[in-house]
PDB file of all heavy atoms in Angstrom:
ATOM      1  N   ILE A   1     -25.646 -67.604 -46.440  1.00  0.00           N
ATOM      2  CA  ILE A   1     -24.400 -67.789 -47.149  1.00  0.00           C
ATOM      3  C   ILE A   1     -24.390 -67.139 -48.520  1.00  0.00           C
ATOM      4  O   ILE A   1     -23.391 -66.844 -49.161  1.00  0.00           O
ATOM      5  CB  ILE A   1     -23.930 -69.249 -47.240  1.00  0.00           C
ATOM      6  CG1 ILE A   1     -22.433 -69.386 -47.406  1.00  0.00           C
ATOM      7  CG2 ILE A   1     -24.751 -70.009 -48.255  1.00  0.00           C
ATOM      8  CD1 ILE A   1     -21.875 -70.765 -47.221  1.00  0.00           C
ATOM      9  N   TYR A   2     -25.629 -66.966 -49.021  1.00  0.00           N
ATOM     10  CA  TYR A   2     -25.763 -66.353 -50.383  1.00  0.00           C
ATOM     11  C   TYR A   2     -26.229 -64.882 -50.291  1.00  0.00           C
ATOM     12  O   TYR A   2     -26.587 -64.320 -51.413  1.00  0.00           O
ATOM     13  CB  TYR A   2     -26.690 -67.152 -51.251  1.00  0.00           C
ATOM     14  CG  TYR A   2     -26.119 -68.540 -51.451  1.00  0.00           C
ATOM     15  CD1 TYR A   2     -26.596 -69.690 -50.852  1.00  0.00           C
ATOM     16  CD2 TYR A   2     -24.966 -68.730 -52.365  1.00  0.00           C
ATOM     17  CE1 TYR A   2     -26.022 -70.888 -51.015  1.00  0.00           C
ATOM     18  CE2 TYR A   2     -24.452 -69.963 -52.566  1.00  0.00           C
ATOM     19  CZ  TYR A   2     -24.932 -71.072 -51.862  1.00  0.00           C
ATOM     20  OH  TYR A   2     -24.418 -72.352 -52.089  1.00  0.00           O
ATOM     21  N   ASP A   3     -26.157 -64.221 -49.190  1.00  0.00           N
ATOM     22  CA  ASP A   3     -26.631 -62.819 -49.039  1.00  0.00           C
ATOM     23  C   ASP A   3     -27.980 -62.615 -49.697  1.00  0.00           C
ATOM     24  O   ASP A   3     -28.187 -61.728 -50.316  1.00  0.00           O
ATOM     25  CB  ASP A   3     -25.587 -61.894 -49.710  1.00  0.00           C
ATOM     26  CG  ASP A   3     -24.309 -61.745 -48.862  1.00  0.00           C
ATOM     27  OD1 ASP A   3     -24.377 -62.012 -47.685  1.00  0.00           O
ATOM     28  OD2 ASP A   3     -23.264 -61.463 -49.441  1.00  0.00           O
ATOM     29  N   ALA A   4     -28.888 -63.615 -49.416  1.00  0.00           N
ATOM     30  CA  ALA A   4     -30.219 -63.527 -50.047  1.00  0.00           C
ATOM     31  C   ALA A   4     -30.986 -62.291 -49.523  1.00  0.00           C
ATOM     32  O   ALA A   4     -31.015 -62.034 -48.311  1.00  0.00           O
ATOM     33  CB  ALA A   4     -31.014 -64.764 -49.756  1.00  0.00           C
ATOM     34  N   ASP A   5     -31.584 -61.527 -50.397  1.00  0.00           N
ATOM     35  CA  ASP A   5     -32.378 -60.471 -50.046  1.00  0.00           C
ATOM     36  C   ASP A   5     -33.835 -60.907 -49.608  1.00  0.00           C
ATOM     37  O   ASP A   5     -34.467 -60.409 -48.781  1.00  0.00           O
ATOM     38  CB  ASP A   5     -32.539 -59.387 -51.229  1.00  0.00           C
ATOM     39  CG  ASP A   5     -31.228 -58.678 -51.502  1.00  0.00           C
ATOM     40  OD1 ASP A   5     -30.713 -58.009 -50.643  1.00  0.00           O
ATOM     41  OD2 ASP A   5     -30.736 -58.974 -52.634  1.00  0.00           O
ATOM     42  N   GLY A   6     -34.243 -61.937 -50.406  1.00  0.00           N
ATOM     43  CA  GLY A   6     -35.665 -62.446 -50.134  1.00  0.00           C
ATOM     44  C   GLY A   6     -35.700 -63.935 -50.331  1.00  0.00           C
ATOM     45  O   GLY A   6     -34.990 -64.531 -51.118  1.00  0.00           O
ATOM     46  N   VAL A   7     -36.642 -64.489 -49.632  1.00  0.00           N
ATOM     47  CA  VAL A   7     -36.842 -65.934 -49.632  1.00  0.00           C
ATOM     48  C   VAL A   7     -38.351 -66.202 -49.861  1.00  0.00           C
ATOM     49  O   VAL A   7     -39.129 -65.794 -48.859  1.00  0.00           O
ATOM     50  CB  VAL A   7     -36.324 -66.637 -48.348  1.00  0.00           C
ATOM     51  CG1 VAL A   7     -36.537 -68.096 -48.412  1.00  0.00           C
ATOM     52  CG2 VAL A   7     -34.895 -66.263 -48.042  1.00  0.00           C
ATOM     53  N   PRO A   8     -38.754 -66.812 -50.855  1.00  0.00           N
ATOM     54  CA  PRO A   8     -40.148 -67.222 -51.096  1.00  0.00           C
ATOM     55  C   PRO A   8     -40.504 -68.293 -50.014  1.00  0.00           C
ATOM     56  O   PRO A   8     -39.816 -69.308 -49.969  1.00  0.00           O
ATOM     57  CB  PRO A   8     -40.192 -67.805 -52.468  1.00  0.00           C
ATOM     58  CG  PRO A   8     -38.912 -67.471 -53.131  1.00  0.00           C
ATOM     59  CD  PRO A   8     -37.915 -67.256 -52.017  1.00  0.00           C
ATOM     60  N   VAL A   9     -41.502 -68.004 -49.182  1.00  0.00           N
ATOM     61  CA  VAL A   9     -41.874 -68.927 -48.101  1.00  0.00           C
ATOM     62  C   VAL A   9     -43.338 -69.163 -48.113  1.00  0.00           C
ATOM     63  O   VAL A   9     -44.170 -68.326 -48.472  1.00  0.00           O
ATOM     64  CB  VAL A   9     -41.423 -68.465 -46.772  1.00  0.00           C
ATOM     65  CG1 VAL A   9     -39.923 -68.413 -46.667  1.00  0.00           C
ATOM     66  CG2 VAL A   9     -42.014 -67.032 -46.446  1.00  0.00           C
ATOM     67  N   GLY A  10     -43.730 -70.407 -47.659  1.00  0.00           N
ATOM     68  CA  GLY A  10     -45.071 -70.693 -47.381  1.00  0.00           C
ATOM     69  C   GLY A  10     -45.372 -70.573 -45.839  1.00  0.00           C
ATOM     70  O   GLY A  10     -44.378 -70.272 -45.068  1.00  0.00           O
ATOM     71  N   GLU A  11     -46.538 -70.780 -45.503  1.00  0.00           N
ATOM     72  CA  GLU A  11     -46.914 -70.600 -44.035  1.00  0.00           C
ATOM     73  C   GLU A  11     -46.025 -71.558 -43.096  1.00  0.00           C
ATOM     74  O   GLU A  11     -45.656 -71.054 -42.087  1.00  0.00           O
ATOM     75  CB  GLU A  11     -48.424 -70.947 -43.837  1.00  0.00           C
ATOM     76  CG  GLU A  11     -49.313 -69.977 -44.465  1.00  0.00           C
ATOM     77  CD  GLU A  11     -50.791 -70.368 -44.335  1.00  0.00           C
ATOM     78  OE1 GLU A  11     -51.054 -71.247 -43.558  1.00  0.00           O
ATOM     79  OE2 GLU A  11     -51.707 -69.736 -44.950  1.00  0.00           O
ATOM     80  N   ASP A  12     -45.769 -72.751 -43.559  1.00  0.00           N
ATOM     81  CA  ASP A  12     -44.966 -73.629 -42.675  1.00  0.00           C
ATOM     82  C   ASP A  12     -43.543 -73.255 -42.564  1.00  0.00           C
ATOM     83  O   ASP A  12     -42.889 -73.828 -41.732  1.00  0.00           O
ATOM     84  CB  ASP A  12     -45.133 -75.055 -43.247  1.00  0.00           C
ATOM     85  CG  ASP A  12     -44.578 -75.210 -44.676  1.00  0.00           C
ATOM     86  OD1 ASP A  12     -44.540 -74.199 -45.390  1.00  0.00           O
ATOM     87  OD2 ASP A  12     -44.145 -76.319 -45.024  1.00  0.00           O
ATOM     88  N   GLN A  13     -43.019 -72.370 -43.319  1.00  0.00           N
ATOM     89  CA  GLN A  13     -41.651 -71.981 -43.237  1.00  0.00           C
ATOM     90  C   GLN A  13     -41.399 -70.574 -42.643  1.00  0.00           C
ATOM     91  O   GLN A  13     -40.297 -70.147 -42.440  1.00  0.00           O
ATOM     92  CB  GLN A  13     -41.068 -72.030 -44.623  1.00  0.00           C
ATOM     93  CG  GLN A  13     -40.897 -73.333 -45.316  1.00  0.00           C
ATOM     94  CD  GLN A  13     -40.364 -73.349 -46.736  1.00  0.00           C
ATOM     95  OE1 GLN A  13     -40.762 -72.402 -47.465  1.00  0.00           O
ATOM     96  NE2 GLN A  13     -39.507 -74.220 -47.060  1.00  0.00           N
ATOM     97  N   THR A  14     -42.526 -69.943 -42.309  1.00  0.00           N
ATOM     98  CA  THR A  14     -42.421 -68.544 -41.703  1.00  0.00           C
ATOM     99  C   THR A  14     -41.539 -68.601 -40.478  1.00  0.00           C
ATOM    100  O   THR A  14     -40.656 -67.750 -40.275  1.00  0.00           O
ATOM    101  CB  THR A  14     -43.827 -68.017 -41.375  1.00  0.00           C
ATOM    102  OG1 THR A  14     -44.602 -68.045 -42.590  1.00  0.00           O
ATOM    103  CG2 THR A  14     -43.675 -66.594 -40.881  1.00  0.00           C
ATOM    104  N   TYR A  15     -41.784 -69.515 -39.601  1.00  0.00           N
ATOM    105  CA  TYR A  15     -40.932 -69.622 -38.308  1.00  0.00           C
ATOM    106  C   TYR A  15     -39.556 -69.787 -38.554  1.00  0.00           C
ATOM    107  O   TYR A  15     -38.679 -69.216 -37.871  1.00  0.00           O
ATOM    108  CB  TYR A  15     -41.564 -70.727 -37.431  1.00  0.00           C
ATOM    109  CG  TYR A  15     -43.002 -70.521 -37.061  1.00  0.00           C
ATOM    110  CD1 TYR A  15     -43.978 -71.299 -37.687  1.00  0.00           C
ATOM    111  CD2 TYR A  15     -43.419 -69.553 -36.105  1.00  0.00           C
ATOM    112  CE1 TYR A  15     -45.299 -71.141 -37.338  1.00  0.00           C
ATOM    113  CE2 TYR A  15     -44.739 -69.409 -35.806  1.00  0.00           C
ATOM    114  CZ  TYR A  15     -45.657 -70.218 -36.413  1.00  0.00           C
ATOM    115  OH  TYR A  15     -47.003 -70.004 -36.064  1.00  0.00           O
ATOM    116  N   HIS A  16     -39.199 -70.599 -39.610  1.00  0.00           N
ATOM    117  CA  HIS A  16     -37.768 -70.864 -39.845  1.00  0.00           C
ATOM    118  C   HIS A  16     -37.088 -69.570 -40.384  1.00  0.00           C
ATOM    119  O   HIS A  16     -35.903 -69.314 -40.042  1.00  0.00           O
ATOM    120  CB  HIS A  16     -37.644 -71.986 -40.946  1.00  0.00           C
ATOM    121  CG  HIS A  16     -38.035 -73.340 -40.375  1.00  0.00           C
ATOM    122  ND1 HIS A  16     -37.318 -74.065 -39.592  1.00  0.00           N
ATOM    123  CD2 HIS A  16     -39.167 -74.061 -40.654  1.00  0.00           C
ATOM    124  CE1 HIS A  16     -37.911 -75.142 -39.304  1.00  0.00           C
ATOM    125  NE2 HIS A  16     -39.087 -75.197 -39.921  1.00  0.00           N
ATOM    126  N   LEU A  17     -37.802 -68.828 -41.194  1.00  0.00           N
ATOM    127  CA  LEU A  17     -37.199 -67.629 -41.758  1.00  0.00           C
ATOM    128  C   LEU A  17     -36.977 -66.635 -40.656  1.00  0.00           C
ATOM    129  O   LEU A  17     -35.993 -65.896 -40.586  1.00  0.00           O
ATOM    130  CB  LEU A  17     -37.982 -67.004 -42.899  1.00  0.00           C
ATOM    131  CG  LEU A  17     -37.349 -65.743 -43.572  1.00  0.00           C
ATOM    132  CD1 LEU A  17     -35.961 -66.274 -44.204  1.00  0.00           C
ATOM    133  CD2 LEU A  17     -38.204 -65.260 -44.679  1.00  0.00           C
ATOM    134  N   GLU A  18     -37.972 -66.498 -39.692  1.00  0.00           N
ATOM    135  CA  GLU A  18     -37.827 -65.566 -38.622  1.00  0.00           C
ATOM    136  C   GLU A  18     -36.604 -65.957 -37.689  1.00  0.00           C
ATOM    137  O   GLU A  18     -35.925 -65.124 -37.294  1.00  0.00           O
ATOM    138  CB  GLU A  18     -39.139 -65.547 -37.750  1.00  0.00           C
ATOM    139  CG  GLU A  18     -39.129 -64.565 -36.681  1.00  0.00           C
ATOM    140  CD  GLU A  18     -38.875 -63.139 -37.168  1.00  0.00           C
ATOM    141  OE1 GLU A  18     -39.380 -62.819 -38.243  1.00  0.00           O
ATOM    142  OE2 GLU A  18     -38.226 -62.388 -36.485  1.00  0.00           O
ATOM    143  N   PHE A  19     -36.431 -67.293 -37.607  1.00  0.00           N
ATOM    144  CA  PHE A  19     -35.215 -67.721 -36.873  1.00  0.00           C
ATOM    145  C   PHE A  19     -34.000 -67.310 -37.578  1.00  0.00           C
ATOM    146  O   PHE A  19     -32.993 -66.899 -36.962  1.00  0.00           O
ATOM    147  CB  PHE A  19     -35.306 -69.310 -36.645  1.00  0.00           C
ATOM    148  CG  PHE A  19     -34.015 -69.800 -35.975  1.00  0.00           C
ATOM    149  CD1 PHE A  19     -33.897 -69.785 -34.629  1.00  0.00           C
ATOM    150  CD2 PHE A  19     -33.012 -70.372 -36.764  1.00  0.00           C
ATOM    151  CE1 PHE A  19     -32.682 -70.264 -34.023  1.00  0.00           C
ATOM    152  CE2 PHE A  19     -31.833 -70.787 -36.217  1.00  0.00           C
ATOM    153  CZ  PHE A  19     -31.749 -70.803 -34.812  1.00  0.00           C
ATOM    154  N   THR A  20     -34.030 -67.490 -38.883  1.00  0.00           N
ATOM    155  CA  THR A  20     -32.776 -67.062 -39.738  1.00  0.00           C
ATOM    156  C   THR A  20     -32.476 -65.557 -39.467  1.00  0.00           C
ATOM    157  O   THR A  20     -31.299 -65.126 -39.329  1.00  0.00           O
ATOM    158  CB  THR A  20     -33.123 -67.308 -41.226  1.00  0.00           C
ATOM    159  OG1 THR A  20     -33.328 -68.674 -41.460  1.00  0.00           O
ATOM    160  CG2 THR A  20     -31.990 -66.812 -42.081  1.00  0.00           C
ATOM    161  N   ARG A  21     -33.504 -64.743 -39.451  1.00  0.00           N
ATOM    162  CA  ARG A  21     -33.312 -63.345 -39.232  1.00  0.00           C
ATOM    163  C   ARG A  21     -32.747 -63.065 -37.830  1.00  0.00           C
ATOM    164  O   ARG A  21     -31.867 -62.251 -37.718  1.00  0.00           O
ATOM    165  CB  ARG A  21     -34.632 -62.572 -39.405  1.00  0.00           C
ATOM    166  CG  ARG A  21     -35.115 -62.513 -40.853  1.00  0.00           C
ATOM    167  CD  ARG A  21     -36.547 -61.889 -40.926  1.00  0.00           C
ATOM    168  NE  ARG A  21     -36.695 -60.630 -40.330  1.00  0.00           N
ATOM    169  CZ  ARG A  21     -36.377 -59.505 -40.882  1.00  0.00           C
ATOM    170  NH1 ARG A  21     -35.985 -59.463 -42.110  1.00  0.00           N
ATOM    171  NH2 ARG A  21     -36.555 -58.343 -40.239  1.00  0.00           N
ATOM    172  N   GLU A  22     -33.272 -63.790 -36.878  1.00  0.00           N
ATOM    173  CA  GLU A  22     -32.837 -63.600 -35.474  1.00  0.00           C
ATOM    174  C   GLU A  22     -31.357 -64.050 -35.332  1.00  0.00           C
ATOM    175  O   GLU A  22     -30.545 -63.269 -34.676  1.00  0.00           O
ATOM    176  CB  GLU A  22     -33.630 -64.491 -34.553  1.00  0.00           C
ATOM    177  CG  GLU A  22     -35.082 -64.002 -34.323  1.00  0.00           C
ATOM    178  CD  GLU A  22     -35.913 -64.918 -33.563  1.00  0.00           C
ATOM    179  OE1 GLU A  22     -35.322 -65.896 -32.919  1.00  0.00           O
ATOM    180  OE2 GLU A  22     -37.145 -64.813 -33.477  1.00  0.00           O
ATOM    181  N   ILE A  23     -30.951 -65.126 -35.897  1.00  0.00           N
ATOM    182  CA  ILE A  23     -29.617 -65.585 -35.627  1.00  0.00           C
ATOM    183  C   ILE A  23     -28.574 -64.726 -36.461  1.00  0.00           C
ATOM    184  O   ILE A  23     -27.534 -64.486 -36.017  1.00  0.00           O
ATOM    185  CB  ILE A  23     -29.456 -67.109 -36.055  1.00  0.00           C
ATOM    186  CG1 ILE A  23     -28.251 -67.670 -35.367  1.00  0.00           C
ATOM    187  CG2 ILE A  23     -29.431 -67.300 -37.529  1.00  0.00           C
ATOM    188  CD1 ILE A  23     -28.211 -69.167 -35.368  1.00  0.00           C
ATOM    189  N   ALA A  24     -29.052 -64.193 -37.630  1.00  0.00           N
ATOM    190  CA  ALA A  24     -28.170 -63.277 -38.341  1.00  0.00           C
ATOM    191  C   ALA A  24     -27.959 -61.980 -37.553  1.00  0.00           C
ATOM    192  O   ALA A  24     -26.829 -61.368 -37.481  1.00  0.00           O
ATOM    193  CB  ALA A  24     -28.792 -62.946 -39.734  1.00  0.00           C
ATOM    194  N   GLU A  25     -29.079 -61.481 -37.007  1.00  0.00           N
ATOM    195  CA  GLU A  25     -28.905 -60.258 -36.150  1.00  0.00           C
ATOM    196  C   GLU A  25     -28.041 -60.527 -34.895  1.00  0.00           C
ATOM    197  O   GLU A  25     -27.328 -59.585 -34.629  1.00  0.00           O
ATOM    198  CB  GLU A  25     -30.326 -59.810 -35.799  1.00  0.00           C
ATOM    199  CG  GLU A  25     -31.141 -59.163 -36.945  1.00  0.00           C
ATOM    200  CD  GLU A  25     -32.671 -59.048 -36.592  1.00  0.00           C
ATOM    201  OE1 GLU A  25     -33.020 -59.557 -35.450  1.00  0.00           O
ATOM    202  OE2 GLU A  25     -33.390 -58.455 -37.458  1.00  0.00           O
ATOM    203  N   LYS A  26     -28.124 -61.644 -34.333  1.00  0.00           N
ATOM    204  CA  LYS A  26     -27.361 -61.982 -33.135  1.00  0.00           C
ATOM    205  C   LYS A  26     -25.901 -62.063 -33.595  1.00  0.00           C
ATOM    206  O   LYS A  26     -24.992 -61.476 -32.866  1.00  0.00           O
ATOM    207  CB  LYS A  26     -27.755 -63.310 -32.521  1.00  0.00           C
ATOM    208  CG  LYS A  26     -27.000 -63.686 -31.316  1.00  0.00           C
ATOM    209  CD  LYS A  26     -27.590 -64.929 -30.614  1.00  0.00           C
ATOM    210  CE  LYS A  26     -26.847 -65.240 -29.303  1.00  0.00           C
ATOM    211  NZ  LYS A  26     -27.400 -66.489 -28.640  1.00  0.00           N
ATOM    212  N   PHE A  27     -25.606 -62.656 -34.717  1.00  0.00           N
ATOM    213  CA  PHE A  27     -24.199 -62.759 -35.235  1.00  0.00           C
ATOM    214  C   PHE A  27     -23.708 -61.345 -35.462  1.00  0.00           C
ATOM    215  O   PHE A  27     -22.550 -61.073 -35.032  1.00  0.00           O
ATOM    216  CB  PHE A  27     -24.201 -63.575 -36.498  1.00  0.00           C
ATOM    217  CG  PHE A  27     -22.738 -63.814 -36.988  1.00  0.00           C
ATOM    218  CD1 PHE A  27     -22.086 -65.050 -36.712  1.00  0.00           C
ATOM    219  CD2 PHE A  27     -22.050 -62.878 -37.795  1.00  0.00           C
ATOM    220  CE1 PHE A  27     -20.830 -65.292 -37.164  1.00  0.00           C
ATOM    221  CE2 PHE A  27     -20.757 -63.143 -38.220  1.00  0.00           C
ATOM    222  CZ  PHE A  27     -20.166 -64.349 -37.885  1.00  0.00           C
ATOM    223  N   ASN A  28     -24.442 -60.512 -36.082  1.00  0.00           N
ATOM    224  CA  ASN A  28     -24.035 -59.130 -36.389  1.00  0.00           C
ATOM    225  C   ASN A  28     -23.791 -58.318 -35.151  1.00  0.00           C
ATOM    226  O   ASN A  28     -22.872 -57.478 -35.061  1.00  0.00           O
ATOM    227  CB  ASN A  28     -25.038 -58.465 -37.336  1.00  0.00           C
ATOM    228  CG  ASN A  28     -25.039 -59.008 -38.661  1.00  0.00           C
ATOM    229  OD1 ASN A  28     -24.151 -59.752 -39.057  1.00  0.00           O
ATOM    230  ND2 ASN A  28     -26.080 -58.713 -39.484  1.00  0.00           N
ATOM    231  N   SER A  29     -24.617 -58.562 -34.113  1.00  0.00           N
ATOM    232  CA  SER A  29     -24.408 -57.851 -32.896  1.00  0.00           C
ATOM    233  C   SER A  29     -23.183 -58.171 -32.129  1.00  0.00           C
ATOM    234  O   SER A  29     -22.576 -57.380 -31.444  1.00  0.00           O
ATOM    235  CB  SER A  29     -25.629 -57.987 -31.970  1.00  0.00           C
ATOM    236  OG  SER A  29     -25.736 -59.256 -31.442  1.00  0.00           O
ATOM    237  N   LEU A  30     -22.821 -59.481 -32.242  1.00  0.00           N
ATOM    238  CA  LEU A  30     -21.651 -59.975 -31.614  1.00  0.00           C
ATOM    239  C   LEU A  30     -20.357 -59.637 -32.350  1.00  0.00           C
ATOM    240  O   LEU A  30     -19.357 -59.296 -31.804  1.00  0.00           O
ATOM    241  CB  LEU A  30     -21.711 -61.502 -31.476  1.00  0.00           C
ATOM    242  CG  LEU A  30     -22.724 -62.041 -30.421  1.00  0.00           C
ATOM    243  CD1 LEU A  30     -22.865 -63.556 -30.546  1.00  0.00           C
ATOM    244  CD2 LEU A  30     -22.242 -61.772 -29.014  1.00  0.00           C
ATOM    245  N   TYR A  31     -20.412 -59.750 -33.712  1.00  0.00           N
ATOM    246  CA  TYR A  31     -19.148 -59.635 -34.486  1.00  0.00           C
ATOM    247  C   TYR A  31     -19.082 -58.571 -35.496  1.00  0.00           C
ATOM    248  O   TYR A  31     -18.169 -58.437 -36.334  1.00  0.00           O
ATOM    249  CB  TYR A  31     -18.900 -60.982 -35.217  1.00  0.00           C
ATOM    250  CG  TYR A  31     -19.016 -62.201 -34.241  1.00  0.00           C
ATOM    251  CD1 TYR A  31     -20.039 -63.161 -34.384  1.00  0.00           C
ATOM    252  CD2 TYR A  31     -18.056 -62.378 -33.276  1.00  0.00           C
ATOM    253  CE1 TYR A  31     -20.068 -64.235 -33.509  1.00  0.00           C
ATOM    254  CE2 TYR A  31     -18.067 -63.409 -32.376  1.00  0.00           C
ATOM    255  CZ  TYR A  31     -19.106 -64.351 -32.516  1.00  0.00           C
ATOM    256  OH  TYR A  31     -19.170 -65.413 -31.703  1.00  0.00           O
ATOM    257  N   GLY A  32     -20.133 -57.696 -35.514  1.00  0.00           N
ATOM    258  CA  GLY A  32     -20.171 -56.561 -36.546  1.00  0.00           C
ATOM    259  C   GLY A  32     -21.035 -56.994 -37.737  1.00  0.00           C
ATOM    260  O   GLY A  32     -21.359 -58.161 -37.902  1.00  0.00           O
ATOM    261  N   GLU A  33     -21.430 -55.940 -38.489  1.00  0.00           N
ATOM    262  CA  GLU A  33     -22.362 -56.149 -39.646  1.00  0.00           C
ATOM    263  C   GLU A  33     -21.645 -57.132 -40.668  1.00  0.00           C
ATOM    264  O   GLU A  33     -20.789 -56.616 -41.455  1.00  0.00           O
ATOM    265  CB  GLU A  33     -22.775 -54.851 -40.223  1.00  0.00           C
ATOM    266  CG  GLU A  33     -23.557 -53.985 -39.317  1.00  0.00           C
ATOM    267  CD  GLU A  33     -24.928 -54.658 -39.000  1.00  0.00           C
ATOM    268  OE1 GLU A  33     -25.534 -55.289 -39.937  1.00  0.00           O
ATOM    269  OE2 GLU A  33     -25.363 -54.671 -37.811  1.00  0.00           O
ATOM    270  N   THR A  34     -22.068 -58.351 -40.748  1.00  0.00           N
ATOM    271  CA  THR A  34     -21.446 -59.364 -41.642  1.00  0.00           C
ATOM    272  C   THR A  34     -22.525 -60.056 -42.524  1.00  0.00           C
ATOM    273  O   THR A  34     -22.247 -60.253 -43.721  1.00  0.00           O
ATOM    274  CB  THR A  34     -20.764 -60.395 -40.761  1.00  0.00           C
ATOM    275  OG1 THR A  34     -19.830 -59.722 -39.837  1.00  0.00           O
ATOM    276  CG2 THR A  34     -19.950 -61.365 -41.622  1.00  0.00           C
TER     277      THR A  34
END
């Protein structure tokens, strides 16, 4: 929601950020680059 370019993460949050990237890419593939 903040158009973040980067997110400081530790090892325990790596999976969550990868999920964030996946769901953003899925949204963009369905509805256009948003």
